[in-house]
Protein backbone atom coordinates (compact mmCIF):
# COMPACT_ATOMS: atom_id res chain seq x y z
CA MET A 1 133.36 88.06 35.50
CA SER A 2 131.15 87.04 38.32
CA LEU A 3 131.89 84.07 40.26
CA GLY A 4 128.47 82.48 39.63
CA SER A 5 128.83 82.37 35.85
CA SER A 6 130.70 79.60 33.88
CA PRO A 7 133.54 80.61 31.62
CA THR A 8 132.67 81.07 28.01
CA GLN A 9 134.03 78.01 25.81
CA GLN A 10 136.23 79.11 23.04
CA PRO A 11 136.11 77.09 19.78
CA LEU A 12 139.15 74.93 19.00
CA THR A 13 139.03 75.76 15.36
CA PRO A 14 137.89 79.27 14.72
CA ALA A 15 135.55 79.66 11.66
CA GLY A 16 137.53 80.12 8.33
CA SER A 17 140.81 78.87 9.96
CA PRO A 18 143.23 76.68 7.88
CA LEU A 19 142.67 73.81 10.09
CA GLU A 20 138.89 73.84 9.79
CA SER A 21 139.33 73.99 6.02
CA LEU A 22 141.54 70.91 6.05
CA LEU A 23 139.22 69.01 8.19
CA ARG A 24 136.35 69.68 5.56
CA ILE A 25 138.48 68.68 2.72
CA ALA A 26 139.37 65.40 4.49
CA ASP A 27 135.80 64.72 5.21
CA THR A 28 134.86 65.39 1.57
CA LEU A 29 137.77 63.10 0.34
CA SER A 30 136.51 60.37 2.80
CA SER A 31 133.11 60.52 1.32
CA LEU A 32 134.48 60.47 -2.36
CA GLU A 33 136.50 57.34 -1.44
CA ARG A 34 133.47 55.60 -0.14
CA TYR A 35 131.57 56.51 -3.21
CA ALA A 36 134.29 55.47 -5.62
CA THR A 37 134.64 52.12 -3.80
CA GLU A 38 131.00 51.48 -3.99
CA THR A 39 130.76 52.46 -7.65
CA ALA A 40 133.80 50.46 -8.58
CA GLY A 41 132.33 47.39 -6.91
CA GLN A 42 129.20 47.65 -8.90
CA LEU A 43 130.93 48.24 -12.20
CA VAL A 44 133.18 45.05 -11.51
CA LEU A 45 129.82 43.04 -10.85
CA ALA A 46 128.33 44.32 -14.00
CA GLU A 47 131.33 43.58 -16.10
CA ASP A 48 131.46 39.99 -14.65
CA THR A 49 127.76 39.63 -15.46
CA CYS A 50 128.33 40.89 -18.99
CA ALA A 51 131.45 38.48 -19.38
CA GLU A 52 129.46 35.51 -18.21
CA ALA A 53 126.62 36.30 -20.54
CA ALA A 54 129.05 36.77 -23.41
CA GLU A 55 130.74 33.39 -22.62
CA ALA A 56 127.42 31.56 -22.00
CA PRO A 57 126.50 28.57 -24.14
CA GLY A 58 124.52 29.73 -27.24
CA SER A 59 126.40 33.10 -27.42
CA ILE A 60 128.37 34.83 -30.25
CA ARG A 61 130.83 37.39 -29.24
CA TYR A 62 132.79 39.67 -31.76
CA VAL A 63 136.23 40.78 -31.19
CA GLU A 64 137.81 43.80 -32.98
CA GLY A 65 141.61 44.51 -33.63
CA ARG A 66 144.36 42.04 -34.45
CA GLY A 67 145.78 42.06 -30.93
CA ALA A 68 142.53 41.48 -29.33
CA VAL A 69 141.63 38.81 -31.87
CA GLN A 70 145.00 36.98 -31.14
CA ASP A 71 144.37 37.14 -27.27
CA ALA A 72 140.93 35.65 -27.77
CA VAL A 73 142.11 32.80 -29.91
CA ASP A 74 144.98 32.13 -27.47
CA GLU A 75 142.47 31.99 -24.48
CA VAL A 76 140.36 29.58 -26.45
CA LEU A 77 143.23 27.27 -27.29
CA TRP A 78 144.66 27.50 -23.82
CA ARG A 79 141.36 26.14 -22.39
CA ALA A 80 141.23 23.05 -24.76
CA LYS A 81 140.77 19.74 -22.98
CA ARG A 82 140.34 17.13 -25.80
CA GLU A 83 140.61 18.41 -29.49
CA ILE A 84 141.74 21.29 -31.59
CA LEU A 85 140.75 21.73 -35.17
CA THR A 86 142.38 24.43 -37.21
CA SER A 87 142.37 25.62 -40.89
CA HIS A 88 144.85 27.82 -42.35
CA PRO A 89 144.02 29.33 -45.65
CA ASP A 90 145.79 31.88 -48.12
CA GLY A 91 148.75 29.62 -48.84
CA PRO A 92 152.15 29.97 -47.20
CA ASP A 93 151.82 31.84 -43.91
CA PRO A 94 154.69 34.37 -42.88
CA ALA A 95 156.74 33.32 -39.92
CA PRO A 96 155.36 35.65 -37.28
CA PRO A 97 151.77 34.47 -37.38
CA LEU A 98 152.87 30.95 -37.30
CA ASP A 99 155.02 31.62 -34.51
CA GLU A 100 152.10 32.92 -32.61
CA THR A 101 150.00 29.94 -33.46
CA TRP A 102 152.79 27.73 -32.23
CA ALA A 103 153.04 29.61 -28.91
CA ALA A 104 149.18 29.33 -28.46
CA VAL A 105 149.00 25.57 -29.10
CA HIS A 106 152.24 24.33 -27.50
CA ASP A 107 150.81 24.33 -23.93
CA PRO A 108 147.60 22.30 -24.87
CA LEU A 109 149.67 19.80 -26.97
CA THR A 110 152.05 19.33 -23.96
CA ARG A 111 148.77 18.33 -21.89
CA GLY A 112 147.90 15.73 -24.54
CA VAL A 113 145.28 17.58 -26.48
CA VAL A 114 144.79 16.07 -29.96
CA MET A 115 145.08 18.43 -32.87
CA ARG A 116 144.25 18.48 -36.57
CA THR A 117 145.35 21.14 -39.03
CA LEU A 118 144.48 21.97 -42.80
CA PHE A 119 146.56 24.04 -45.03
CA GLN A 120 146.23 24.74 -48.76
CA HIS A 121 148.56 22.75 -51.14
CA SER A 122 150.62 25.95 -51.82
CA ALA A 123 151.68 25.94 -48.09
CA ARG A 124 153.96 23.02 -48.95
CA PHE A 125 156.42 25.36 -50.73
CA SER A 126 156.80 27.66 -47.73
CA GLU A 127 159.77 27.12 -45.32
CA PRO A 128 158.08 28.77 -42.33
CA THR A 129 155.09 26.55 -42.72
CA LYS A 130 157.25 23.35 -43.07
CA LYS A 131 159.07 24.44 -39.87
CA TYR A 132 155.60 24.90 -38.20
CA VAL A 133 154.46 21.55 -39.38
CA GLN A 134 157.76 19.89 -37.96
CA GLN A 135 157.13 21.39 -34.60
CA VAL A 136 153.47 20.39 -34.23
CA MET A 137 153.84 16.93 -35.68
CA SER A 138 156.52 16.20 -32.95
CA TYR A 139 153.42 16.30 -30.70
CA GLY A 140 151.49 13.91 -32.73
CA VAL A 141 149.42 16.74 -34.65
CA GLU A 142 148.04 15.53 -38.09
CA VAL A 143 148.41 17.94 -40.96
CA ARG A 144 146.83 17.79 -44.42
CA THR A 145 146.43 20.12 -47.42
CA LEU A 146 143.66 20.84 -49.99
CA PRO A 147 143.94 22.51 -53.37
CA GLU A 148 140.87 24.78 -52.85
CA PHE A 149 140.19 27.95 -50.87
CA PHE A 150 138.56 27.72 -47.44
CA ASP A 151 138.31 30.11 -44.57
CA ARG A 152 140.18 30.29 -41.28
CA LEU A 153 138.64 28.37 -38.57
CA VAL A 154 139.31 27.14 -35.06
CA VAL A 155 137.14 24.59 -33.28
CA VAL A 156 137.95 23.51 -29.72
CA ASP A 157 136.47 20.42 -27.91
CA GLY A 158 133.24 20.69 -30.06
CA GLU A 159 132.15 23.55 -27.72
CA VAL A 160 133.51 26.84 -29.16
CA ALA A 161 134.53 27.95 -32.66
CA VAL A 162 136.40 31.10 -34.06
CA ILE A 163 135.67 32.31 -37.58
CA PRO A 164 136.59 35.61 -39.25
CA GLY A 165 134.32 38.34 -38.23
CA GLY A 166 134.59 40.45 -41.29
CA GLU A 167 136.54 40.78 -44.73
CA HIS A 168 139.32 42.99 -43.47
CA GLY A 169 140.85 40.05 -41.33
CA HIS A 170 141.29 41.90 -38.06
CA SER A 171 138.06 40.77 -36.41
CA ALA A 172 136.67 37.51 -35.29
CA ALA A 173 133.47 35.93 -33.94
CA LEU A 174 133.66 33.63 -30.96
CA ILE A 175 130.82 31.05 -31.31
CA ARG A 176 129.47 28.99 -28.44
CA ASP A 177 126.17 28.07 -30.03
CA ARG A 178 126.06 24.33 -29.99
CA ALA A 179 124.24 23.87 -33.30
CA VAL A 180 126.52 26.22 -35.22
CA VAL A 181 129.75 24.75 -33.58
CA ALA A 182 128.62 21.27 -34.71
CA PHE A 183 127.89 22.66 -38.21
CA LEU A 184 131.45 24.05 -38.45
CA GLY A 185 132.92 20.97 -37.12
CA ASP A 186 131.31 18.94 -39.80
CA VAL A 187 132.64 21.37 -42.46
CA PHE A 188 136.04 20.72 -41.21
CA GLU A 189 135.56 16.95 -41.25
CA ARG A 190 134.21 16.98 -44.81
CA ALA A 191 137.37 19.02 -45.87
CA TRP A 192 139.71 16.64 -43.94
CA VAL A 193 138.37 13.51 -45.66
CA ARG A 194 139.32 15.11 -49.10
CA ALA A 195 142.57 16.43 -47.93
CA GLU A 196 145.96 14.91 -48.46
CA ARG A 197 148.50 14.03 -45.77
CA PHE A 198 151.41 16.51 -45.38
CA PRO A 199 154.19 14.40 -43.75
CA PHE A 200 157.26 16.70 -42.77
CA ARG A 201 160.12 16.05 -45.23
CA PRO A 202 163.00 18.37 -45.55
CA VAL A 203 162.81 18.22 -49.34
CA ARG A 204 163.22 20.81 -52.10
CA ALA A 205 160.07 22.48 -53.60
CA ALA A 206 160.39 20.61 -56.74
CA ASP A 207 160.00 17.44 -54.89
CA ALA A 208 156.74 18.53 -53.26
CA ALA A 209 155.44 19.83 -56.67
CA GLY A 210 154.97 16.34 -57.94
CA GLU A 211 152.53 15.50 -55.14
CA VAL A 212 150.40 18.76 -55.43
CA VAL A 213 150.81 20.21 -58.88
CA PRO A 214 148.11 17.96 -60.56
CA ASP A 215 145.62 18.92 -57.93
CA LEU A 216 146.50 22.65 -58.42
CA ARG A 217 146.18 22.33 -62.14
CA GLN A 218 142.68 20.73 -61.84
CA ALA A 219 141.68 23.44 -59.63
CA ILE A 220 142.98 26.21 -61.83
CA THR A 221 141.19 24.52 -64.78
CA THR A 222 137.98 24.48 -62.76
CA LEU A 223 138.32 28.31 -61.80
CA LEU A 224 139.14 29.24 -65.44
CA ILE A 225 136.10 27.58 -66.73
CA GLU A 226 134.10 29.47 -64.18
CA GLY A 227 135.55 32.67 -65.65
CA ARG A 228 137.68 33.68 -62.75
CA SER A 229 140.48 36.34 -63.16
CA ASP A 230 144.06 35.48 -62.55
CA LYS A 231 144.02 37.43 -59.41
CA ALA A 232 140.74 35.69 -58.08
CA ILE A 233 142.36 32.31 -58.81
CA ALA A 234 145.56 33.28 -56.98
CA ARG A 235 143.52 34.41 -53.97
CA ARG A 236 141.43 31.38 -53.84
CA LEU A 237 144.37 28.91 -54.24
CA GLY A 238 146.72 30.90 -51.86
CA MET A 239 149.26 31.22 -54.68
CA SER A 240 151.21 34.17 -56.10
CA LEU A 241 149.79 35.84 -59.28
CA ARG A 242 153.03 35.00 -61.01
CA SER A 243 152.73 31.30 -60.20
CA VAL A 244 149.05 31.19 -61.44
CA GLN A 245 150.05 32.81 -64.66
CA SER A 246 152.79 30.38 -65.08
CA HIS A 247 150.32 27.56 -64.80
CA ILE A 248 147.92 29.13 -67.16
CA ALA A 249 150.75 29.48 -69.72
CA SER A 250 151.35 25.83 -69.34
CA LEU A 251 147.77 24.93 -70.03
CA ARG A 252 147.55 27.22 -73.06
CA GLU A 253 150.58 25.52 -74.44
CA GLN A 254 148.95 21.90 -73.56
CA TYR A 255 145.67 22.86 -75.38
CA GLY A 256 147.28 24.97 -78.20
CA ALA A 257 145.16 27.92 -77.09
CA GLN A 258 146.02 31.37 -78.59
CA HIS A 259 144.54 33.39 -75.91
CA ARG A 260 142.75 32.89 -72.43
CA PHE A 261 139.14 32.77 -73.79
CA GLN A 262 140.12 29.88 -76.28
CA LEU A 263 141.73 28.13 -73.36
CA GLY A 264 138.56 28.36 -71.25
CA TYR A 265 136.47 27.24 -74.07
CA GLU A 266 138.79 24.19 -75.02
CA MET A 267 138.89 23.12 -71.38
CA ALA A 268 135.18 23.47 -70.90
CA ARG A 269 134.44 21.25 -73.97
CA ASP A 270 136.97 18.60 -72.70
CA ALA A 271 135.27 18.67 -69.31
CA TYR A 272 131.80 18.19 -71.12
CA ALA A 273 132.97 15.38 -73.28
CA ALA A 274 134.52 13.56 -70.29
CA ALA A 275 131.46 13.88 -68.04
CA PRO A 276 129.63 10.62 -67.70
CA THR A 277 126.44 10.20 -69.76
CA VAL A 278 123.32 9.26 -67.82
CA ALA A 279 121.04 6.77 -69.54
CA VAL A 280 117.40 7.71 -69.80
CA PRO A 281 115.07 4.78 -68.91
CA THR A 282 112.78 3.88 -71.76
CA ALA A 283 109.31 2.58 -71.24
CA PRO A 284 108.51 -1.02 -71.90
CA ALA A 285 107.16 -1.91 -75.26
CA GLY A 286 103.30 -1.64 -75.52
CA SER A 287 103.16 0.56 -72.29
CA ALA A 288 100.93 3.58 -72.29
CA PRO A 289 102.83 6.83 -73.07
C-alpha cells in the first residue's frame, strides 16, 4: 500500500450479516408501529363520531343481544336526572330480571330521581315482584297495575325512550327523537291514569285477589267476546294458561254455558244489552224532511 493512498473503509456490518438483518427488521417494525398508531387513532376518531351521531337528538339506535340490551338500558337509567317511567308486562317477573332492574335504578333513586312503574294485575301474585316493589317504594317510587296487556317501555327525563326492537325480546330500540319520546310518554301517562295503586303489603295471594280479580274477569270477558284463544288471553294478561282456563270455567258456570262458543255468545248478548242507547233526535213537527 502506497503512502499517498488512504486506507479502504471496511463496512461495519457486512452484507447479509445477522446484524444487518436485525437492523432491517427493527426498522420495519418501527414503521409498522407508526402505521398502527396512526390507523388506531383514525379508527377511534371514527368510532367516536359514529357514537355521537348515534346518540344525537333525533336518532334511533338498535341494540341486539340480551347482554347488550341490558347494558344499554342500565346506561340510560344511570344517566337519569329527573324522572324514570317504566312498564313491565308479561305478568309476574322472575327474580333475576327484577334483580337486574333494581341494580340499575338503585343509583338514580339514591340521587333523588322520581320514578313511576306499571305492572299487570297478575304481578300482584308474584313474590319476586312484591319484593321488588317493596325495595323501590322505600325510595318513594309509585307502582300501579293494569289488567290489560302493554309493552315494555322505559322513558328517562322525557329525552330518551327504550322499547322492544323485535318480537324475540332480545333486541331494543333506543329512541332520542323528541316527538316519538313525547308520544311514548303520553302513552304511559294514559295507562297510568287508568291503573290502580299497588301498595306493598305482605299479604296472601287470596287477599290480593279481591282487589284485582273483577278487573281480570272483565278483561277475560272482553277477549273471549273478541274470539281470542285461551293461550292468547293468557299472553295478553300475563297469566298462566291454567289460571285463564280456571276463570273461563267459572264464567261458564256463571252463564250456564255448555261450551266456549255458547259462553262467548251469552257474554256478547249481555254486553250488547247493557250498552247505553243513543237517542236519535227527531225533527220538529212541520219541518221539511
